[in-house]
Protein backbone atom coordinates (compact mmCIF):
# COMPACT_ATOMS: atom_id res chain seq x y z
CA MET A 1 19.83 20.10 -11.16
CA GLU A 2 18.77 16.53 -12.68
CA PRO A 3 14.91 17.65 -13.60
CA GLU A 4 14.23 14.44 -15.52
CA ASN A 5 15.59 12.28 -12.66
CA PRO A 6 13.18 12.90 -9.98
CA LEU A 7 14.81 9.74 -8.01
CA LEU A 8 16.92 11.97 -5.33
CA ASP A 9 13.33 14.44 -4.49
CA GLN A 10 11.14 10.96 -4.38
CA PHE A 11 13.37 9.81 -1.77
CA VAL A 12 13.59 13.10 0.24
CA LEU A 13 9.81 12.39 0.48
CA SER A 14 10.20 9.39 1.44
CA LEU A 15 11.65 10.34 4.41
CA ALA A 16 9.17 12.80 5.74
CA ARG A 17 6.63 12.23 8.31
CA SER A 18 3.35 12.83 6.49
CA ALA A 19 2.16 10.62 3.41
CA ARG A 20 1.38 13.70 1.75
CA PRO A 21 4.04 16.16 2.70
CA ARG A 22 4.88 19.75 2.74
CA VAL A 23 7.62 20.68 0.81
CA CYS A 24 9.25 23.95 1.33
CA PHE A 25 11.05 25.67 -1.08
CA LEU A 26 13.77 28.04 0.55
CA PRO A 27 15.79 29.40 -2.69
CA THR A 28 17.44 32.60 -0.30
CA ALA A 29 20.97 31.61 -1.90
CA SER A 30 19.91 32.86 -5.59
CA GLY A 31 18.34 35.60 -4.36
CA ASP A 32 14.53 34.36 -3.96
CA SER A 33 15.07 33.61 -8.21
CA GLU A 34 11.83 33.81 -9.23
CA ARG A 35 12.88 31.19 -11.86
CA TYR A 36 14.43 28.87 -10.03
CA VAL A 37 11.12 28.70 -7.58
CA ALA A 38 9.70 28.24 -10.96
CA ARG A 39 11.64 24.82 -11.76
CA PHE A 40 11.32 23.95 -8.22
CA TYR A 41 7.42 24.27 -8.68
CA ARG A 42 7.38 22.06 -11.99
CA ALA A 43 10.09 19.11 -10.27
CA PHE A 44 7.53 18.43 -7.09
CA ALA A 45 3.81 19.65 -8.66
CA ALA A 46 4.51 16.01 -10.39
CA LEU A 47 4.91 14.30 -7.26
CA ASP A 48 2.57 13.51 -4.29
CA CYS A 49 3.32 15.89 -2.55
CA ARG A 50 2.24 19.48 -1.20
CA PRO A 51 4.84 22.08 -2.46
CA ARG A 52 5.24 25.94 -1.29
CA ASP A 53 8.52 28.23 -0.89
CA LEU A 54 9.40 30.59 1.34
CA GLN A 55 10.82 33.77 0.22
CA LEU A 56 12.66 36.51 2.21
CA PHE A 57 13.69 39.32 -0.16
CA GLU A 58 9.89 40.44 -0.24
CA ARG A 59 8.56 38.60 2.91
CA SER A 60 5.59 37.73 2.59
CA ILE A 61 4.67 35.63 5.68
CA GLY A 62 4.85 37.50 9.06
CA ASP A 63 4.92 34.30 11.54
CA LEU A 64 8.16 32.23 10.10
CA ARG A 65 8.33 29.77 13.25
CA SER A 66 4.54 28.58 12.58
CA PHE A 67 4.94 28.23 9.23
CA VAL A 68 8.60 26.17 8.95
CA LEU A 69 7.23 24.20 12.36
CA THR A 70 3.97 22.83 10.23
CA GLN A 71 5.94 21.99 7.16
CA ASP A 72 7.48 18.25 6.56
CA VAL A 73 10.64 19.00 4.09
CA LEU A 74 12.76 22.39 4.24
CA TYR A 75 14.54 21.89 0.54
CA VAL A 76 17.32 24.46 0.23
CA GLY A 77 18.03 25.80 -3.20
CA GLY A 78 21.74 26.52 -4.65
CA GLY A 79 23.49 29.65 -5.32
CA ASN A 80 25.34 31.89 -2.77
CA THR A 81 26.22 29.88 1.15
CA ALA A 82 27.70 33.42 2.84
CA ASN A 83 24.79 35.55 1.45
CA LEU A 84 21.91 32.63 2.67
CA LEU A 85 23.43 32.66 6.43
CA ALA A 86 23.08 36.11 6.54
CA VAL A 87 19.96 36.21 5.11
CA TRP A 88 18.25 33.48 7.46
CA ARG A 89 20.21 34.95 10.65
CA ALA A 90 19.28 38.49 10.01
CA HIS A 91 15.07 37.21 9.81
CA GLY A 92 16.27 34.30 12.78
CA LEU A 93 16.11 32.03 9.89
CA ASP A 94 18.64 29.95 11.29
CA GLU A 95 17.26 29.37 14.75
CA LEU A 96 13.95 27.79 13.18
CA VAL A 97 15.56 25.18 10.86
CA ALA A 98 17.00 23.94 13.74
CA GLU A 99 14.34 23.74 15.74
CA ALA A 100 11.96 22.18 13.09
CA TRP A 101 15.29 19.56 12.48
CA THR A 102 14.67 18.69 16.54
CA GLU A 103 10.79 18.45 15.65
CA GLY A 104 11.09 15.83 12.69
CA VAL A 105 11.10 18.05 9.77
CA VAL A 106 13.23 17.11 6.78
CA LEU A 107 16.17 19.42 5.83
CA CYS A 108 17.90 18.88 2.61
CA GLY A 109 19.67 20.91 -0.31
CA ILE A 110 21.79 20.93 -2.91
CA SER A 111 24.92 23.09 -3.22
CA ALA A 112 24.75 25.94 -1.07
CA GLY A 113 21.50 23.70 0.24
CA MET A 114 24.12 21.38 1.49
CA ASN A 115 26.99 23.90 2.72
CA CYS A 116 24.73 25.40 5.09
CA TRP A 117 24.14 22.70 7.65
CA PHE A 118 27.35 22.03 8.28
CA ALA A 119 29.97 24.33 10.26
CA GLU A 120 32.05 24.84 7.64
CA SER A 121 32.44 24.05 3.74
CA VAL A 122 34.15 24.64 0.52
CA THR A 123 32.39 27.73 -1.58
CA ASP A 124 32.42 29.99 -4.30
CA SER A 125 30.21 32.59 -2.30
CA PHE A 126 33.55 35.44 -2.29
CA ASP A 127 34.91 35.41 -5.80
CA LEU A 128 33.49 33.18 -8.58
CA GLY A 129 36.44 32.49 -10.00
CA GLN A 130 38.37 31.17 -6.81
CA LEU A 131 37.19 28.75 -4.22
CA ALA A 132 37.69 29.63 -0.81
CA ALA A 133 36.77 27.78 2.87
CA LEU A 134 33.95 29.00 5.25
CA ASN A 135 33.94 28.25 8.09
CA ASP A 136 30.53 29.90 10.13
CA GLY A 137 27.73 27.66 8.67
CA LEU A 138 24.67 26.52 10.86
CA GLY A 139 26.78 23.58 12.72
CA LEU A 140 23.99 21.56 12.58
CA LEU A 141 26.82 18.68 11.48
CA ALA A 142 30.01 19.13 12.38
CA GLY A 143 33.40 19.32 10.08
CA SER A 144 33.29 20.60 6.26
CA CYS A 145 31.72 19.56 3.52
CA CYS A 146 31.97 19.90 -0.28
CA PRO A 147 29.22 19.35 -2.68
CA HIS A 148 29.93 19.04 -7.21
CA TYR A 149 32.65 16.85 -5.66
CA ASP A 150 32.89 15.49 -9.78
CA GLY A 151 30.67 17.97 -11.03
CA GLU A 152 33.28 20.67 -11.11
CA GLU A 153 37.06 20.66 -11.93
CA GLN A 154 37.78 22.82 -9.06
CA ARG A 155 36.62 21.07 -6.36
CA ARG A 156 38.23 18.57 -5.47
CA PRO A 157 41.37 19.52 -5.34
CA ALA A 158 40.72 22.68 -3.85
CA TYR A 159 39.19 21.20 -1.05
CA HIS A 160 42.46 18.96 -0.42
CA ARG A 161 44.26 21.38 -0.17
CA LEU A 162 41.94 23.18 2.24
CA ILE A 163 42.28 20.78 4.54
CA ALA A 164 45.76 19.48 3.91
CA ALA A 165 46.34 23.24 4.98
CA GLY A 166 44.18 23.36 8.31
CA LYS A 167 41.69 26.03 7.02
CA LEU A 168 38.80 23.27 6.87
CA ALA A 169 37.93 20.46 9.22
CA HIS A 170 38.02 17.01 7.85
CA GLY A 171 34.73 16.11 6.43
CA LEU A 172 32.34 14.83 3.97
CA ALA A 173 32.07 14.81 0.23
CA ALA A 174 29.39 14.48 -2.56
CA ASP A 175 29.55 14.18 -6.05
CA ASP A 176 26.76 15.85 -8.41
CA GLY A 177 23.71 12.94 -8.19
CA ALA A 178 24.91 11.90 -4.69
CA ALA A 179 23.07 12.37 -1.44
CA LEU A 180 24.52 12.47 2.22
CA VAL A 181 22.03 10.66 4.34
CA PHE A 182 21.84 11.83 8.40
CA ASN A 183 19.87 10.17 11.04
CA GLY A 184 20.51 13.01 13.54
CA THR A 185 24.32 13.91 13.60
CA GLU A 186 25.54 10.20 12.24
CA LEU A 187 26.00 9.54 8.69
CA ALA A 188 23.19 6.45 8.12
CA GLU A 189 24.05 5.87 4.23
CA VAL A 190 24.81 7.86 0.87
CA VAL A 191 22.20 7.46 -1.95
CA SER A 192 22.48 8.08 -5.27
CA SER A 193 20.34 9.17 -8.39
CA ARG A 194 23.58 7.88 -10.80
CA PRO A 195 25.13 4.30 -10.85
CA ASP A 196 28.62 6.25 -10.43
CA ALA A 197 28.06 8.90 -8.14
CA GLY A 198 29.41 8.30 -4.38
CA GLY A 199 30.22 10.07 -1.50
CA TYR A 200 33.89 10.51 0.55
CA HIS A 201 35.12 10.91 4.03
CA VAL A 202 38.61 13.62 3.13
CA GLU A 203 40.70 13.58 6.19
CA ARG A 204 44.03 15.54 6.65
CA ALA A 205 46.81 12.91 7.72
CA GLY A 206 49.81 15.32 7.81
CA ILE A 207 50.61 17.97 4.91
CA GLU A 208 48.48 16.06 2.86
CA THR A 209 44.83 14.40 2.86
CA ILE A 210 43.33 11.01 2.72
CA GLU A 211 40.27 10.39 0.97
CA ARG A 212 37.81 7.18 1.37
CA ARG A 213 35.03 6.66 -0.79
CA ILE A 214 31.92 5.45 0.35
CA PRO A 215 29.69 3.36 -1.21
CA ALA A 216 26.51 4.61 -2.40
CA ARG A 217 22.93 3.06 -2.53
CA PHE A 218 21.77 3.47 -6.60
CA LEU A 219 17.99 4.43 -6.09
CA GLY A 220 17.40 3.28 -9.36
């Protein structure tokens, strides 16, 4: 999302178990868009890593488990979260990324690539004009999440509304340019590539919601 600002990508690489990590891009949510894959390679070719991609719509890798477990970072792109989950489950990739996580592979992503790790999320997967609850995420992280918290006008009010109505569990939101960093299943910190970006706890309180900003560490 920030081609001229590599701070978050550099931070992701700093978490990897290898000095020159293998970074695999999963563009499933965009239907394996060739333009999106090209953007990934342009961004990561400038960094000290070994970029790869894993496409499933025209799959060319037979042994997915061996391939996935030899990566250091799995970087999931944005797009349609519901479609991503369906395709991953059809190929058994949902179980493989969970296994990779337990083996120390860094899992990360933007938009749908944030939503997928949580049990629940707010998404436009079903109707581009209407945000709705998605309740069958991978569930590696409990609760719900909301990306683009400050980047799309309807995200914040929709997330509050869905939590207040009991359609989503309490959870975490992130502004564009902010990343929620987990150590296992525990939120360790929020980091940002923009000075004003942050994260938020959003919880139900009766028929309303309570929002608490989480201080972010600016990477610049």
